[in-house]
Amino acid sequence: MRTSVTDHLDIKRVRAELADRQARSPLFMRPGFLIRRVHQIHTFLFGEETSAHNITPVQYSLLTTLETHGEMDQNSLAIEVGLERSSVAEVIPRLSARGLVSRSQAAHDKRMRLVKLTPAGRRLVKKMASAVQRAHDRTIEHLSPDERDVFMLHLIRLVEANHADNLVPLRLPGTQAIEDDAASADAA
């Protein structure tokens, strides 16, 4: 029998606190509102911690994905990060202009653009790591360590459970979905 992360919670206490907080605003009954608001808060904290580097969270995700996976075509990079291809196509030239990534055409398909991290990009990712970690830590610092783990697990579960219904594919480790998503995107 699978145990749940809520098995050891005092669910009556949780529901009472939830009802109390939701009574303050009808918006607190809307997961979408709360997710958007937490995203706004995190984006602000990310900006505070990393302002000296002039990099957005999306740009940082692209840079760290290239650091992890090496050279990639732009479509695969978009899927790896869960962004629309057009968004990646807009961000990559900005990163290239700053000398953080280089772009080239694939030898086997002249329509395909390959992107890779430059040495300057690698240095920036390394230089930003502690500031980015501080932003992540600050985003959830008001939760206890156990609550942080539960929160992160629930976020992952929601992403995994709902990603297939999204118009923007996301590569999930250990799944075949990426090939199916890429084939669907190419057929569209």
C-alpha atoms as a PDB file:
ATOM      1  CA  MET A   1       0.000   0.000   0.000  1.00  0.00           C
ATOM      2  CA  ARG A   2       1.376   3.375  -1.040  1.00  0.00           C
ATOM      3  CA  THR A   3       1.660   5.942   1.698  1.00  0.00           C
ATOM      4  CA  SER A   4       0.848   9.564   1.105  1.00  0.00           C
ATOM      5  CA  VAL A   5       2.773  12.588   2.310  1.00  0.00           C
ATOM      6  CA  THR A   6      -0.419  13.547   4.146  1.00  0.00           C
ATOM      7  CA  ASP A   7      -0.592  10.312   6.165  1.00  0.00           C
ATOM      8  CA  HIS A   8       1.102  11.929   9.160  1.00  0.00           C
ATOM      9  CA  LEU A   9      -0.665  15.303   8.992  1.00  0.00           C
ATOM     10  CA  ASP A  10      -3.368  16.429  11.347  1.00  0.00           C
ATOM     11  CA  ILE A  11      -5.773  16.919   8.455  1.00  0.00           C
ATOM     12  CA  LYS A  12      -8.400  18.582  10.655  1.00  0.00           C
ATOM     13  CA  ARG A  13      -5.851  21.224  11.675  1.00  0.00           C
ATOM     14  CA  VAL A  14      -4.781  21.683   8.045  1.00  0.00           C
ATOM     15  CA  ARG A  15      -8.379  22.100   6.882  1.00  0.00           C
ATOM     16  CA  ALA A  16      -9.147  24.560   9.681  1.00  0.00           C
ATOM     17  CA  GLU A  17      -6.113  26.706   8.810  1.00  0.00           C
ATOM     18  CA  LEU A  18      -6.981  26.505   5.108  1.00  0.00           C
ATOM     19  CA  ALA A  19     -10.588  27.601   5.772  1.00  0.00           C
ATOM     20  CA  ASP A  20      -9.364  30.473   7.949  1.00  0.00           C
ATOM     21  CA  ARG A  21      -6.946  31.714   5.306  1.00  0.00           C
ATOM     22  CA  GLN A  22      -9.419  31.246   2.439  1.00  0.00           C
ATOM     23  CA  ALA A  23     -12.008  33.279   4.375  1.00  0.00           C
ATOM     24  CA  ARG A  24      -9.691  36.293   4.000  1.00  0.00           C
ATOM     25  CA  SER A  25      -9.982  36.317   0.202  1.00  0.00           C
ATOM     26  CA  PRO A  26     -11.873  34.351  -2.431  1.00  0.00           C
ATOM     27  CA  LEU A  27      -8.648  34.443  -4.469  1.00  0.00           C
ATOM     28  CA  PHE A  28      -7.102  32.071  -1.915  1.00  0.00           C
ATOM     29  CA  MET A  29      -9.480  29.374  -3.199  1.00  0.00           C
ATOM     30  CA  ARG A  30      -7.949  29.510  -6.681  1.00  0.00           C
ATOM     31  CA  PRO A  31      -4.824  27.414  -7.265  1.00  0.00           C
ATOM     32  CA  GLY A  32      -4.089  29.297 -10.498  1.00  0.00           C
ATOM     33  CA  PHE A  33      -4.079  32.642  -8.711  1.00  0.00           C
ATOM     34  CA  LEU A  34      -1.804  31.321  -5.966  1.00  0.00           C
ATOM     35  CA  ILE A  35       0.596  29.692  -8.436  1.00  0.00           C
ATOM     36  CA  ARG A  36       0.797  32.914 -10.474  1.00  0.00           C
ATOM     37  CA  ARG A  37       1.389  34.942  -7.308  1.00  0.00           C
ATOM     38  CA  VAL A  38       4.152  32.622  -6.064  1.00  0.00           C
ATOM     39  CA  HIS A  39       5.715  32.886  -9.538  1.00  0.00           C
ATOM     40  CA  GLN A  40       5.625  36.695  -9.298  1.00  0.00           C
ATOM     41  CA  ILE A  41       7.211  36.552  -5.864  1.00  0.00           C
ATOM     42  CA  HIS A  42       9.936  34.176  -7.011  1.00  0.00           C
ATOM     43  CA  THR A  43      10.673  36.281 -10.096  1.00  0.00           C
ATOM     44  CA  PHE A  44      11.075  39.333  -7.851  1.00  0.00           C
ATOM     45  CA  LEU A  45      13.382  37.456  -5.456  1.00  0.00           C
ATOM     46  CA  PHE A  46      15.379  36.046  -8.386  1.00  0.00           C
ATOM     47  CA  GLY A  47      15.814  39.587  -9.704  1.00  0.00           C
ATOM     48  CA  GLU A  48      16.920  40.877  -6.312  1.00  0.00           C
ATOM     49  CA  GLU A  49      19.507  38.140  -5.868  1.00  0.00           C
ATOM     50  CA  THR A  50      20.838  38.165  -9.436  1.00  0.00           C
ATOM     51  CA  SER A  51      20.432  41.825 -10.486  1.00  0.00           C
ATOM     52  CA  ALA A  52      24.162  42.253 -11.071  1.00  0.00           C
ATOM     53  CA  HIS A  53      24.031  39.619 -13.820  1.00  0.00           C
ATOM     54  CA  ASN A  54      21.037  40.939 -15.815  1.00  0.00           C
ATOM     55  CA  ILE A  55      19.661  37.435 -16.492  1.00  0.00           C
ATOM     56  CA  THR A  56      15.997  36.422 -16.277  1.00  0.00           C
ATOM     57  CA  PRO A  57      14.824  33.118 -14.790  1.00  0.00           C
ATOM     58  CA  VAL A  58      13.983  31.869 -18.305  1.00  0.00           C
ATOM     59  CA  GLN A  59      17.428  32.794 -19.596  1.00  0.00           C
ATOM     60  CA  TYR A  60      19.029  31.086 -16.615  1.00  0.00           C
ATOM     61  CA  SER A  61      16.992  27.936 -17.275  1.00  0.00           C
ATOM     62  CA  LEU A  62      18.196  27.872 -20.880  1.00  0.00           C
ATOM     63  CA  LEU A  63      21.822  28.446 -19.855  1.00  0.00           C
ATOM     64  CA  THR A  64      21.789  25.743 -17.178  1.00  0.00           C
ATOM     65  CA  THR A  65      20.087  23.294 -19.538  1.00  0.00           C
ATOM     66  CA  LEU A  66      22.825  23.876 -22.106  1.00  0.00           C
ATOM     67  CA  GLU A  67      25.411  23.443 -19.356  1.00  0.00           C
ATOM     68  CA  THR A  68      23.869  20.092 -18.433  1.00  0.00           C
ATOM     69  CA  HIS A  69      23.157  18.712 -21.903  1.00  0.00           C
ATOM     70  CA  GLY A  70      25.694  20.416 -24.137  1.00  0.00           C
ATOM     71  CA  GLU A  71      24.891  21.586 -27.649  1.00  0.00           C
ATOM     72  CA  MET A  72      21.225  21.232 -28.584  1.00  0.00           C
ATOM     73  CA  ASP A  73      18.931  22.287 -31.362  1.00  0.00           C
ATOM     74  CA  GLN A  74      16.542  25.089 -30.395  1.00  0.00           C
ATOM     75  CA  ASN A  75      13.432  22.877 -30.564  1.00  0.00           C
ATOM     76  CA  SER A  76      14.931  20.293 -28.200  1.00  0.00           C
ATOM     77  CA  LEU A  77      16.068  23.083 -25.895  1.00  0.00           C
ATOM     78  CA  ALA A  78      12.511  24.460 -25.815  1.00  0.00           C
ATOM     79  CA  ILE A  79      11.125  21.034 -24.920  1.00  0.00           C
ATOM     80  CA  GLU A  80      13.797  20.457 -22.283  1.00  0.00           C
ATOM     81  CA  VAL A  81      12.755  23.650 -20.483  1.00  0.00           C
ATOM     82  CA  GLY A  82       9.034  23.518 -21.286  1.00  0.00           C
ATOM     83  CA  LEU A  83       8.929  26.729 -23.328  1.00  0.00           C
ATOM     84  CA  GLU A  84       7.283  27.548 -26.616  1.00  0.00           C
ATOM     85  CA  ARG A  85       9.704  27.339 -29.519  1.00  0.00           C
ATOM     86  CA  SER A  86       8.985  30.965 -30.417  1.00  0.00           C
ATOM     87  CA  SER A  87       9.999  32.090 -26.916  1.00  0.00           C
ATOM     88  CA  VAL A  88      13.327  30.275 -27.187  1.00  0.00           C
ATOM     89  CA  ALA A  89      13.828  31.738 -30.669  1.00  0.00           C
ATOM     90  CA  GLU A  90      13.430  35.225 -29.146  1.00  0.00           C
ATOM     91  CA  VAL A  91      15.695  34.659 -26.116  1.00  0.00           C
ATOM     92  CA  ILE A  92      18.625  32.887 -27.798  1.00  0.00           C
ATOM     93  CA  PRO A  93      19.676  35.894 -29.943  1.00  0.00           C
ATOM     94  CA  ARG A  94      19.833  38.051 -26.789  1.00  0.00           C
ATOM     95  CA  LEU A  95      22.061  35.497 -25.065  1.00  0.00           C
ATOM     96  CA  SER A  96      24.158  35.218 -28.212  1.00  0.00           C
ATOM     97  CA  ALA A  97      24.580  39.009 -28.431  1.00  0.00           C
ATOM     98  CA  ARG A  98      25.990  38.913 -24.894  1.00  0.00           C
ATOM     99  CA  GLY A  99      28.438  36.160 -25.873  1.00  0.00           C
ATOM    100  CA  LEU A 100      26.841  33.600 -23.544  1.00  0.00           C
ATOM    101  CA  VAL A 101      25.766  31.131 -26.242  1.00  0.00           C
ATOM    102  CA  SER A 102      26.847  30.467 -29.792  1.00  0.00           C
ATOM    103  CA  ARG A 103      24.558  29.439 -32.640  1.00  0.00           C
ATOM    104  CA  SER A 104      25.187  27.472 -35.780  1.00  0.00           C
ATOM    105  CA  GLN A 105      23.319  25.574 -38.453  1.00  0.00           C
ATOM    106  CA  ALA A 106      23.153  21.802 -38.184  1.00  0.00           C
ATOM    107  CA  ALA A 107      25.187  20.099 -40.917  1.00  0.00           C
ATOM    108  CA  HIS A 108      22.446  17.537 -41.595  1.00  0.00           C
ATOM    109  CA  ASP A 109      19.572  20.076 -41.716  1.00  0.00           C
ATOM    110  CA  LYS A 110      20.225  23.700 -42.647  1.00  0.00           C
ATOM    111  CA  ARG A 111      16.866  24.731 -41.134  1.00  0.00           C
ATOM    112  CA  MET A 112      17.931  23.491 -37.692  1.00  0.00           C
ATOM    113  CA  ARG A 113      19.712  25.937 -35.385  1.00  0.00           C
ATOM    114  CA  LEU A 114      22.139  24.487 -32.830  1.00  0.00           C
ATOM    115  CA  VAL A 115      22.926  26.331 -29.616  1.00  0.00           C
ATOM    116  CA  LYS A 116      25.757  25.797 -27.157  1.00  0.00           C
ATOM    117  CA  LEU A 117      27.081  27.509 -24.099  1.00  0.00           C
ATOM    118  CA  THR A 118      30.235  29.572 -24.589  1.00  0.00           C
ATOM    119  CA  PRO A 119      33.038  29.696 -22.014  1.00  0.00           C
ATOM    120  CA  ALA A 120      31.621  33.077 -20.894  1.00  0.00           C
ATOM    121  CA  GLY A 121      28.212  31.434 -20.487  1.00  0.00           C
ATOM    122  CA  ARG A 122      29.728  28.660 -18.376  1.00  0.00           C
ATOM    123  CA  ARG A 123      31.482  31.217 -16.170  1.00  0.00           C
ATOM    124  CA  LEU A 124      28.255  33.164 -15.705  1.00  0.00           C
ATOM    125  CA  VAL A 125      26.239  30.067 -14.756  1.00  0.00           C
ATOM    126  CA  LYS A 126      28.874  29.168 -12.171  1.00  0.00           C
ATOM    127  CA  LYS A 127      29.082  32.743 -10.889  1.00  0.00           C
ATOM    128  CA  MET A 128      25.273  32.976 -10.507  1.00  0.00           C
ATOM    129  CA  ALA A 129      24.740  29.615  -8.804  1.00  0.00           C
ATOM    130  CA  SER A 130      24.800  30.809  -5.192  1.00  0.00           C
ATOM    131  CA  ALA A 131      22.611  33.853  -5.915  1.00  0.00           C
ATOM    132  CA  VAL A 132      20.075  31.700  -7.735  1.00  0.00           C
ATOM    133  CA  GLN A 133      20.054  29.210  -4.862  1.00  0.00           C
ATOM    134  CA  ARG A 134      19.393  32.077  -2.440  1.00  0.00           C
ATOM    135  CA  ALA A 135      16.381  33.123  -4.557  1.00  0.00           C
ATOM    136  CA  HIS A 136      15.023  29.565  -4.508  1.00  0.00           C
ATOM    137  CA  ASP A 137      15.611  29.291  -0.771  1.00  0.00           C
ATOM    138  CA  ARG A 138      13.947  32.655  -0.091  1.00  0.00           C
ATOM    139  CA  THR A 139      10.898  31.646  -2.122  1.00  0.00           C
ATOM    140  CA  ILE A 140      10.082  28.811   0.287  1.00  0.00           C
ATOM    141  CA  GLU A 141      11.878  29.955   3.454  1.00  0.00           C
ATOM    142  CA  HIS A 142       8.614  30.522   5.326  1.00  0.00           C
ATOM    143  CA  LEU A 143       7.886  26.796   5.242  1.00  0.00           C
ATOM    144  CA  SER A 144       9.500  24.347   7.639  1.00  0.00           C
ATOM    145  CA  PRO A 145      12.084  21.987   6.096  1.00  0.00           C
ATOM    146  CA  ASP A 146       9.497  19.174   6.061  1.00  0.00           C
ATOM    147  CA  GLU A 147       6.893  21.459   4.487  1.00  0.00           C
ATOM    148  CA  ARG A 148       9.410  22.498   1.809  1.00  0.00           C
ATOM    149  CA  ASP A 149       9.925  18.860   0.854  1.00  0.00           C
ATOM    150  CA  VAL A 150       6.172  18.230   0.712  1.00  0.00           C
ATOM    151  CA  PHE A 151       5.615  21.437  -1.272  1.00  0.00           C
ATOM    152  CA  MET A 152       8.306  20.513  -3.799  1.00  0.00           C
ATOM    153  CA  LEU A 153       6.941  16.975  -4.109  1.00  0.00           C
ATOM    154  CA  HIS A 154       3.445  18.316  -4.731  1.00  0.00           C
ATOM    155  CA  LEU A 155       4.701  20.752  -7.367  1.00  0.00           C
ATOM    156  CA  ILE A 156       6.536  17.927  -9.146  1.00  0.00           C
ATOM    157  CA  ARG A 157       3.447  15.721  -8.989  1.00  0.00           C
ATOM    158  CA  LEU A 158       1.310  18.477 -10.495  1.00  0.00           C
ATOM    159  CA  VAL A 159       3.788  19.111 -13.305  1.00  0.00           C
ATOM    160  CA  GLU A 160       4.103  15.416 -14.094  1.00  0.00           C
ATOM    161  CA  ALA A 161       0.352  14.794 -13.911  1.00  0.00           C
ATOM    162  CA  ASN A 162      -0.634  17.757 -16.079  1.00  0.00           C
ATOM    163  CA  HIS A 163       2.224  18.235 -18.510  1.00  0.00           C
ATOM    164  CA  ALA A 164       0.737  15.992 -21.212  1.00  0.00           C
ATOM    165  CA  ASP A 165      -2.361  18.202 -21.397  1.00  0.00           C
ATOM    166  CA  ASN A 166      -0.240  21.299 -21.983  1.00  0.00           C
ATOM    167  CA  LEU A 167       0.327  22.794 -25.415  1.00  0.00           C
ATOM    168  CA  VAL A 168       4.017  23.254 -24.577  1.00  0.00           C
ATOM    169  CA  PRO A 169       5.813  19.915 -24.291  1.00  0.00           C
ATOM    170  CA  LEU A 170       8.259  19.253 -21.484  1.00  0.00           C
ATOM    171  CA  ARG A 171      10.860  16.520 -21.372  1.00  0.00           C
ATOM    172  CA  LEU A 172      10.337  14.517 -18.211  1.00  0.00           C
ATOM    173  CA  PRO A 173      13.245  12.270 -17.234  1.00  0.00           C
ATOM    174  CA  GLY A 174      12.489   8.589 -17.689  1.00  0.00           C
ATOM    175  CA  THR A 175       9.520   8.993 -20.021  1.00  0.00           C
ATOM    176  CA  GLN A 176       8.833   8.364 -23.667  1.00  0.00           C
ATOM    177  CA  ALA A 177       6.649  11.477 -23.789  1.00  0.00           C
ATOM    178  CA  ILE A 178       9.314  13.631 -25.358  1.00  0.00           C
ATOM    179  CA  GLU A 179       9.331  11.719 -28.618  1.00  0.00           C
ATOM    180  CA  ASP A 180       5.541  11.731 -28.709  1.00  0.00           C
ATOM    181  CA  ASP A 181       5.433  15.467 -27.939  1.00  0.00           C
ATOM    182  CA  ALA A 182       8.067  16.289 -30.542  1.00  0.00           C
ATOM    183  CA  ALA A 183       6.234  14.233 -33.182  1.00  0.00           C
ATOM    184  CA  SER A 184       2.970  16.015 -32.337  1.00  0.00           C
ATOM    185  CA  ALA A 185       4.663  19.422 -32.554  1.00  0.00           C
ATOM    186  CA  ASP A 186       6.203  18.575 -35.926  1.00  0.00           C
ATOM    187  CA  ALA A 187       2.878  17.311 -37.283  1.00  0.00           C
ATOM    188  CA  ALA A 188       1.082  20.549 -36.302  1.00  0.00           C
END
